[in-house]
Amino acid sequence: MNKAADLAEDARDGGSVLRLSGALAIACLRDLPNRLDAVQGPVQAIDLSGVDHMDTIGAWTVHRTARRLGCEVTGANDDAARLIAAVGELDEPVSIRPDHVHPMRRVVGQIGEAVTAAGSTLVGLVGFFGGTLVASWNVLRHPHRFRVNAVVQRFEVVGVSALGIIGLMSFLIGIVIAQQGSVQLRQFGMEMLTINLVGRLTFRELGVLMTAIMVAGRSGSAFAAQLGTMKLTEEIDAMRTIGVSPMEALVLPRTLAVIVMMPLLGFYSSIVAVIGGGFLCAVALEIPPITFVQRLREVVPITDLWVGLIKAPVFGIIIALAGCFQGMQVKANAEEVGLRTTAAVVQAIFLVIVIDAFFAVFFTWLGWN
């Protein structure tokens, strides 16, 4: 049976020495913590040479007393010394309530964190793009590693399955553009210019842009959720273990599918939007369809079509990379899947709009107005 803990104090010149004896265990401490709290300095050392046994509570009692009195601990055996050192490493002050921070400082800190996160994400996207290029080069060198079935399946998911929702969205957008444009142009007696507005705006900008936003919401989020779930279930790690590159098997087919389907979906969206605009012109402005088509051919240059078709694959690359990159960053728990999926959609839409602005300036510089 362990002996109860006891305390003896030896007075010396310049301070006293506290000698502990017995078992410094929770069942044997009794009133020792109170007696130690009553000790006032100066104290030179706490001697543990008489201690038979020590548990975590006893080590914490010794460490707390030594810290309060500012003295050293002597006479401890190896096990006791290691236990006291371990307790001391975990002794960190914890505040129940967070420290008050000035609102301006908090706002500046949050802005700094956001900028840092955006910079690290951009660097990660560039690195991920480089990894995709390396995977593409490896597939070109070894064509038998190209997964045709995976690409064709993504064609259906990204393209065919999206025709309905993109068509409905584009038709309604065409109606809205024609209706709002005609209301404003009627003030000047130029309702016929509604055809110019619908044709140029849909083929050059809104057709491919709205398609990119819709694909980012449908396919970009799906890519992030799929790859994120595979990361959680360790399927991607298993693929690496058996010698299959996740970039070639998962990322490359999705990226190729979006790149190929985006120009087709963008053209389809523009045509349906023009049909929607023509429908409203026929109903509200009494412009016959044949007149609408003839006027459309006169006012819409072929460069507007090329502008939309050139931007579409670039938007596709951005959407696929953002979705796959965020999916590959999932770790720890299922909550990450939702967070990364949301981040993939937001980043894809943001980058698409930014790149679209650069394209607008670039094509204006080229004279494709």
Protein backbone atom coordinates (compact mmCIF):
# COMPACT_ATOMS: atom_id res chain seq x y z
CA MET A 1 0.00 0.00 0.00
CA ASN A 2 1.38 3.41 -0.96
CA LYS A 3 2.38 5.76 1.81
CA ALA A 4 0.50 9.04 2.09
CA ALA A 5 2.27 12.08 0.72
CA ASP A 6 3.97 14.35 3.24
CA LEU A 7 5.82 17.64 3.29
CA ALA A 8 8.80 18.77 5.32
CA GLU A 9 10.44 22.17 5.12
CA ASP A 10 14.14 22.63 5.90
CA ALA A 11 15.21 26.20 6.56
CA ARG A 12 18.51 27.31 5.05
CA ASP A 13 20.34 30.52 4.46
CA GLY A 14 18.84 32.28 1.47
CA GLY A 15 15.71 30.13 1.42
CA SER A 16 14.20 26.81 2.41
CA VAL A 17 14.04 23.36 0.78
CA LEU A 18 10.72 21.55 0.48
CA ARG A 19 11.13 17.81 0.94
CA LEU A 20 8.30 15.67 -0.35
CA SER A 21 7.90 12.03 0.59
CA GLY A 22 5.48 9.15 0.13
CA ALA A 23 3.32 8.62 -2.96
CA LEU A 24 2.39 11.67 -5.02
CA ALA A 25 -0.72 10.00 -6.41
CA ILE A 26 -4.28 11.27 -6.50
CA ALA A 27 -5.34 8.78 -3.79
CA CYS A 28 -2.51 9.74 -1.43
CA LEU A 29 -2.17 13.51 -1.80
CA ARG A 30 -4.78 14.38 0.86
CA ASP A 31 -4.13 17.96 2.00
CA LEU A 32 -0.67 18.25 0.39
CA PRO A 33 -1.79 20.70 -2.37
CA ASN A 34 -3.25 23.06 0.26
CA ARG A 35 -0.09 22.87 2.37
CA LEU A 36 2.05 23.63 -0.69
CA ASP A 37 -0.18 26.57 -1.59
CA ALA A 38 0.37 27.96 1.91
CA VAL A 39 4.17 27.92 1.50
CA GLN A 40 5.62 31.34 0.78
CA GLY A 41 9.09 32.00 -0.53
CA PRO A 42 11.88 32.18 -0.71
CA VAL A 43 12.32 28.48 -1.63
CA GLN A 44 15.54 27.15 -3.16
CA ALA A 45 14.36 23.75 -4.36
CA ILE A 46 11.76 21.00 -4.10
CA ASP A 47 13.43 17.69 -3.15
CA LEU A 48 11.71 14.55 -4.47
CA SER A 49 14.29 12.01 -3.30
CA GLY A 50 11.80 10.64 -0.79
CA VAL A 51 8.96 10.15 -3.26
CA ASP A 52 8.05 6.50 -3.92
CA HIS A 53 5.47 6.91 -6.67
CA MET A 54 4.10 9.73 -8.78
CA ASP A 55 1.16 10.03 -11.17
CA THR A 56 0.08 12.87 -13.44
CA ILE A 57 -1.77 14.73 -10.68
CA GLY A 58 1.30 14.57 -8.46
CA ALA A 59 3.53 15.77 -11.30
CA TRP A 60 1.17 18.69 -11.95
CA THR A 61 1.19 19.59 -8.23
CA VAL A 62 5.00 19.66 -8.17
CA HIS A 63 5.26 21.59 -11.44
CA ARG A 64 2.68 24.16 -10.36
CA THR A 65 4.40 24.74 -7.03
CA ALA A 66 7.85 25.03 -8.60
CA ARG A 67 6.52 27.51 -11.15
CA ARG A 68 4.81 29.62 -8.46
CA LEU A 69 7.82 29.72 -6.14
CA GLY A 70 10.37 30.02 -8.92
CA CYS A 71 12.53 27.15 -7.68
CA GLU A 72 14.01 24.00 -9.20
CA VAL A 73 13.04 20.37 -8.71
CA THR A 74 15.74 17.98 -7.50
CA GLY A 75 16.05 14.35 -6.50
CA ALA A 76 13.48 13.03 -8.97
CA ASN A 77 14.07 9.67 -10.65
CA ASP A 78 13.98 9.35 -14.44
CA ASP A 79 10.30 8.45 -14.69
CA ALA A 80 9.22 11.28 -12.41
CA ALA A 81 11.44 13.78 -14.23
CA ARG A 82 9.98 12.79 -17.61
CA LEU A 83 6.43 13.03 -16.26
CA ILE A 84 7.04 16.48 -14.76
CA ALA A 85 8.65 17.65 -18.03
CA ALA A 86 5.68 16.34 -20.06
CA VAL A 87 3.22 18.12 -17.79
CA GLY A 88 5.25 21.31 -18.06
CA GLU A 89 5.19 21.22 -21.88
CA LEU A 90 1.38 21.10 -21.81
CA ASP A 91 1.11 23.93 -19.32
CA GLU A 92 -0.16 26.72 -21.54
CA PRO A 93 -2.52 29.46 -20.39
CA VAL A 94 -6.01 29.16 -21.84
CA SER A 95 -8.36 32.12 -21.90
CA ILE A 96 -12.05 31.36 -21.55
CA ARG A 97 -12.95 34.44 -23.54
CA PRO A 98 -10.97 35.61 -26.58
CA ASP A 99 -8.87 38.71 -26.20
CA HIS A 100 -10.50 41.90 -27.38
CA VAL A 101 -9.16 43.01 -30.76
CA HIS A 102 -9.71 46.43 -32.23
CA PRO A 103 -12.23 46.22 -35.10
CA MET A 104 -9.87 47.88 -37.57
CA ARG A 105 -7.09 45.47 -36.69
CA ARG A 106 -9.46 42.52 -37.04
CA VAL A 107 -10.65 43.71 -40.46
CA VAL A 108 -7.09 44.24 -41.67
CA GLY A 109 -6.14 40.78 -40.38
CA GLN A 110 -9.05 39.14 -42.17
CA ILE A 111 -8.13 40.94 -45.39
CA GLY A 112 -4.56 39.74 -45.02
CA GLU A 113 -5.68 36.17 -44.43
CA ALA A 114 -7.95 36.34 -47.49
CA VAL A 115 -5.14 37.69 -49.67
CA THR A 116 -2.77 35.00 -48.41
CA ALA A 117 -5.32 32.27 -49.06
CA ALA A 118 -6.04 33.62 -52.55
CA GLY A 119 -2.33 33.74 -53.35
CA SER A 120 -1.70 30.19 -52.15
CA THR A 121 -4.75 28.96 -54.10
CA LEU A 122 -3.54 30.67 -57.25
CA VAL A 123 -0.10 29.11 -56.86
CA GLY A 124 -1.73 25.74 -56.27
CA LEU A 125 -3.89 26.11 -59.40
CA VAL A 126 -0.85 26.97 -61.50
CA GLY A 127 0.98 23.94 -60.13
CA PHE A 128 -2.05 21.75 -60.76
CA PHE A 129 -2.22 23.05 -64.33
CA GLY A 130 1.42 22.07 -64.74
CA GLY A 131 0.64 18.59 -63.43
CA THR A 132 -2.19 18.30 -65.94
CA LEU A 133 0.15 19.28 -68.78
CA VAL A 134 2.66 16.64 -67.64
CA ALA A 135 -0.10 14.03 -67.55
CA SER A 136 -1.22 15.07 -71.05
CA TRP A 137 2.35 14.72 -72.34
CA ASN A 138 2.66 11.26 -70.79
CA VAL A 139 -0.59 10.17 -72.44
CA LEU A 140 0.60 11.51 -75.81
CA ARG A 141 3.79 9.49 -75.43
CA HIS A 142 1.84 6.39 -74.43
CA PRO A 143 -1.51 6.52 -76.27
CA HIS A 144 -2.64 3.17 -74.83
CA ARG A 145 -3.01 4.93 -71.45
CA PHE A 146 -5.69 7.26 -72.82
CA ARG A 147 -9.07 6.37 -71.28
CA VAL A 148 -11.57 6.80 -74.09
CA ASN A 149 -14.52 5.42 -72.13
CA ALA A 150 -13.97 7.87 -69.28
CA VAL A 151 -13.86 10.83 -71.69
CA VAL A 152 -17.00 9.73 -73.53
CA GLN A 153 -18.82 9.29 -70.22
CA ARG A 154 -17.87 12.84 -69.24
CA PHE A 155 -19.14 14.06 -72.61
CA GLU A 156 -22.56 12.80 -71.62
CA VAL A 157 -22.43 14.19 -68.08
CA VAL A 158 -21.02 17.61 -69.03
CA GLY A 159 -22.71 18.10 -72.40
CA VAL A 160 -25.75 15.98 -73.19
CA SER A 161 -27.24 16.10 -69.69
CA ALA A 162 -26.85 19.88 -69.61
CA LEU A 163 -28.65 20.62 -72.87
CA GLY A 164 -32.06 21.00 -71.23
CA ILE A 165 -31.16 23.43 -68.46
CA ILE A 166 -28.77 25.45 -70.65
CA GLY A 167 -31.36 25.68 -73.40
CA LEU A 168 -34.07 26.89 -71.02
CA MET A 169 -31.72 29.41 -69.40
CA SER A 170 -30.54 30.74 -72.77
CA PHE A 171 -34.05 31.03 -74.17
CA LEU A 172 -35.17 33.08 -71.17
CA ILE A 173 -32.05 35.24 -71.29
CA GLY A 174 -32.73 35.99 -74.94
CA ILE A 175 -36.27 37.04 -74.07
CA VAL A 176 -35.04 39.27 -71.22
CA ILE A 177 -32.41 40.96 -73.40
CA ALA A 178 -34.92 41.64 -76.15
CA GLN A 179 -37.60 42.88 -73.79
CA GLN A 180 -35.35 45.23 -71.80
CA GLY A 181 -33.56 46.44 -74.90
CA SER A 182 -36.80 47.18 -76.76
CA VAL A 183 -38.16 49.17 -73.82
CA GLN A 184 -35.14 51.46 -73.82
CA LEU A 185 -34.84 51.74 -77.62
CA ARG A 186 -38.53 52.56 -78.01
CA GLN A 187 -37.81 55.98 -76.48
CA PHE A 188 -35.77 56.79 -79.59
CA GLY A 189 -37.99 55.01 -82.09
CA MET A 190 -35.30 52.39 -82.80
CA GLU A 191 -36.93 49.11 -81.83
CA MET A 192 -35.26 47.43 -84.84
CA LEU A 193 -31.91 47.80 -83.08
CA THR A 194 -33.14 45.20 -80.60
CA ILE A 195 -32.02 42.62 -83.16
CA ASN A 196 -28.51 44.08 -83.09
CA LEU A 197 -28.50 43.93 -79.30
CA VAL A 198 -29.69 40.34 -79.10
CA GLY A 199 -27.41 39.03 -81.85
CA ARG A 200 -24.15 40.66 -80.86
CA LEU A 201 -24.58 40.27 -77.12
CA THR A 202 -25.46 36.58 -77.21
CA PHE A 203 -22.86 35.44 -79.74
CA ARG A 204 -20.03 37.55 -78.34
CA GLU A 205 -20.56 37.54 -74.58
CA LEU A 206 -23.59 36.19 -72.81
CA GLY A 207 -23.96 32.89 -74.64
CA VAL A 208 -20.58 31.46 -73.67
CA LEU A 209 -20.40 33.32 -70.34
CA MET A 210 -23.72 32.04 -69.01
CA THR A 211 -22.86 28.58 -70.28
CA ALA A 212 -19.58 28.69 -68.38
CA ILE A 213 -21.38 29.74 -65.19
CA MET A 214 -23.90 26.93 -65.60
CA VAL A 215 -21.20 24.33 -66.30
CA ALA A 216 -19.23 25.54 -63.30
CA GLY A 217 -22.28 25.08 -61.09
CA ARG A 218 -23.13 21.64 -62.53
CA SER A 219 -19.91 19.96 -63.57
CA GLY A 220 -17.30 21.90 -61.57
CA SER A 221 -19.10 21.15 -58.31
CA ALA A 222 -19.59 17.52 -59.33
CA PHE A 223 -15.87 17.13 -60.06
CA ALA A 224 -14.93 18.55 -56.66
CA ALA A 225 -17.45 16.37 -54.81
CA GLN A 226 -16.46 13.19 -56.67
CA LEU A 227 -12.72 13.58 -56.22
CA GLY A 228 -13.17 14.79 -52.64
CA THR A 229 -15.16 11.69 -51.74
CA MET A 230 -12.52 9.51 -53.38
CA LYS A 231 -9.86 11.24 -51.29
CA LEU A 232 -11.82 10.56 -48.08
CA THR A 233 -12.34 6.88 -48.94
CA GLU A 234 -8.62 6.60 -49.88
CA GLU A 235 -9.44 5.44 -53.40
CA ILE A 236 -6.93 7.90 -54.86
CA ASP A 237 -4.22 6.60 -52.53
CA ALA A 238 -5.10 3.07 -53.62
CA MET A 239 -4.74 4.11 -57.27
CA ARG A 240 -1.27 5.46 -56.60
CA THR A 241 -0.38 2.25 -54.75
CA ILE A 242 -1.23 0.06 -57.75
CA GLY A 243 0.64 2.39 -60.12
CA VAL A 244 -2.28 4.32 -61.66
CA SER A 245 -1.82 8.07 -61.97
CA PRO A 246 -4.86 9.96 -60.63
CA MET A 247 -4.03 12.86 -62.95
CA GLU A 248 -4.29 10.59 -65.99
CA ALA A 249 -7.23 8.52 -64.80
CA LEU A 250 -9.39 11.17 -63.12
CA VAL A 251 -8.34 14.72 -63.94
CA LEU A 252 -7.39 14.46 -67.62
CA PRO A 253 -10.67 12.86 -68.86
CA ARG A 254 -12.73 15.48 -67.04
CA THR A 255 -10.60 18.33 -68.35
CA LEU A 256 -10.72 17.10 -71.95
CA ALA A 257 -14.48 16.61 -71.78
CA VAL A 258 -15.11 20.17 -70.56
CA ILE A 259 -12.69 21.67 -73.12
CA VAL A 260 -14.40 19.88 -76.00
CA MET A 261 -17.97 20.44 -74.84
CA MET A 262 -17.72 24.12 -73.90
CA PRO A 263 -17.54 25.48 -77.50
CA LEU A 264 -20.46 23.26 -78.51
CA LEU A 265 -22.55 24.25 -75.51
CA GLY A 266 -21.65 27.92 -75.97
CA PHE A 267 -22.74 27.87 -79.63
CA TYR A 268 -25.91 26.00 -78.70
CA SER A 269 -26.64 28.53 -75.96
CA SER A 270 -26.15 31.47 -78.34
CA ILE A 271 -28.50 29.98 -80.94
CA VAL A 272 -31.20 29.29 -78.37
CA ALA A 273 -30.82 32.80 -76.91
CA VAL A 274 -31.24 34.28 -80.40
CA ILE A 275 -34.36 32.16 -80.85
CA GLY A 276 -35.70 33.51 -77.56
CA GLY A 277 -34.97 37.08 -78.65
CA GLY A 278 -36.60 36.44 -82.04
CA PHE A 279 -39.66 35.00 -80.31
CA LEU A 280 -40.15 38.15 -78.23
CA CYS A 281 -39.52 40.39 -81.24
CA ALA A 282 -42.20 38.52 -83.16
CA VAL A 283 -44.72 38.68 -80.30
CA ALA A 284 -44.09 42.11 -78.78
CA LEU A 285 -42.50 44.12 -81.60
CA GLU A 286 -44.29 42.41 -84.52
CA ILE A 287 -41.01 41.78 -86.34
CA PRO A 288 -41.45 38.74 -88.63
CA PRO A 289 -38.96 35.89 -88.14
CA ILE A 290 -37.66 36.22 -91.70
CA THR A 291 -36.93 39.91 -91.12
CA PHE A 292 -35.26 39.06 -87.81
CA VAL A 293 -32.98 36.50 -89.48
CA GLN A 294 -32.09 38.78 -92.41
CA ARG A 295 -31.29 41.66 -90.07
CA LEU A 296 -29.27 39.32 -87.87
CA ARG A 297 -27.10 38.25 -90.80
CA GLU A 298 -26.43 41.88 -91.67
CA VAL A 299 -25.47 43.21 -88.24
CA VAL A 300 -23.63 40.30 -86.58
CA PRO A 301 -20.08 39.91 -87.93
CA ILE A 302 -18.48 36.49 -88.05
CA THR A 303 -15.82 37.74 -85.61
CA ASP A 304 -18.45 37.75 -82.84
CA LEU A 305 -18.89 34.00 -83.33
CA TRP A 306 -15.12 33.43 -83.31
CA VAL A 307 -14.76 35.49 -80.13
CA GLY A 308 -17.24 33.23 -78.32
CA LEU A 309 -15.71 30.01 -79.68
CA ILE A 310 -12.17 31.10 -78.72
CA LYS A 311 -13.17 31.94 -75.16
CA ALA A 312 -15.15 28.75 -74.59
CA PRO A 313 -12.27 26.21 -74.30
CA VAL A 314 -10.32 28.58 -72.04
CA PHE A 315 -13.32 28.80 -69.74
CA GLY A 316 -13.55 25.00 -69.87
CA ILE A 317 -9.95 24.62 -68.71
CA ILE A 318 -10.57 26.99 -65.80
CA ILE A 319 -13.75 25.18 -64.71
CA ALA A 320 -12.22 21.71 -64.88
CA LEU A 321 -9.00 22.71 -63.12
CA ALA A 322 -10.82 24.54 -60.32
CA GLY A 323 -13.17 21.62 -59.69
CA CYS A 324 -10.49 18.91 -59.81
CA PHE A 325 -7.99 20.95 -57.81
CA GLN A 326 -10.40 21.64 -54.97
CA GLY A 327 -11.51 18.01 -54.96
CA MET A 328 -7.91 16.82 -54.61
CA GLN A 329 -7.42 19.16 -51.64
CA VAL A 330 -10.06 17.43 -49.50
CA LYS A 331 -8.72 15.90 -46.30
CA ALA A 332 -9.71 15.06 -42.73
CA ASN A 333 -13.52 14.87 -42.78
CA ALA A 334 -16.70 14.96 -44.85
CA GLU A 335 -17.27 18.64 -44.09
CA GLU A 336 -14.28 19.41 -46.30
CA VAL A 337 -16.17 18.01 -49.29
CA GLY A 338 -18.88 20.65 -48.99
CA LEU A 339 -16.41 23.46 -48.36
CA ARG A 340 -14.20 22.49 -51.28
CA THR A 341 -17.19 22.06 -53.59
CA THR A 342 -18.38 25.57 -52.76
CA ALA A 343 -14.85 26.93 -53.23
CA ALA A 344 -14.59 25.22 -56.63
CA VAL A 345 -17.76 26.87 -57.94
CA VAL A 346 -16.88 30.31 -56.56
CA GLN A 347 -13.31 30.22 -57.87
CA ALA A 348 -14.36 28.94 -61.30
CA ILE A 349 -17.01 31.64 -61.77
CA PHE A 350 -14.69 34.37 -60.47
CA LEU A 351 -11.82 33.33 -62.76
CA VAL A 352 -14.15 32.99 -65.74
CA ILE A 353 -15.38 36.56 -65.28
CA VAL A 354 -11.83 37.87 -64.81
CA ILE A 355 -10.57 36.09 -67.94
CA ASP A 356 -13.62 37.31 -69.86
CA ALA A 357 -12.68 40.89 -68.97
CA PHE A 358 -9.14 40.30 -70.25
CA PHE A 359 -10.55 38.83 -73.46
CA ALA A 360 -12.77 41.89 -73.95
CA VAL A 361 -9.75 44.21 -73.75
CA PHE A 362 -7.63 41.91 -75.92
CA PHE A 363 -10.18 41.60 -78.75
CA THR A 364 -10.81 45.34 -78.66
CA TRP A 365 -7.08 45.84 -79.06
CA LEU A 366 -7.16 43.49 -82.06
CA GLY A 367 -9.98 45.52 -83.60
CA TRP A 368 -12.64 42.81 -83.28
CA ASN A 369 -15.32 45.23 -82.10
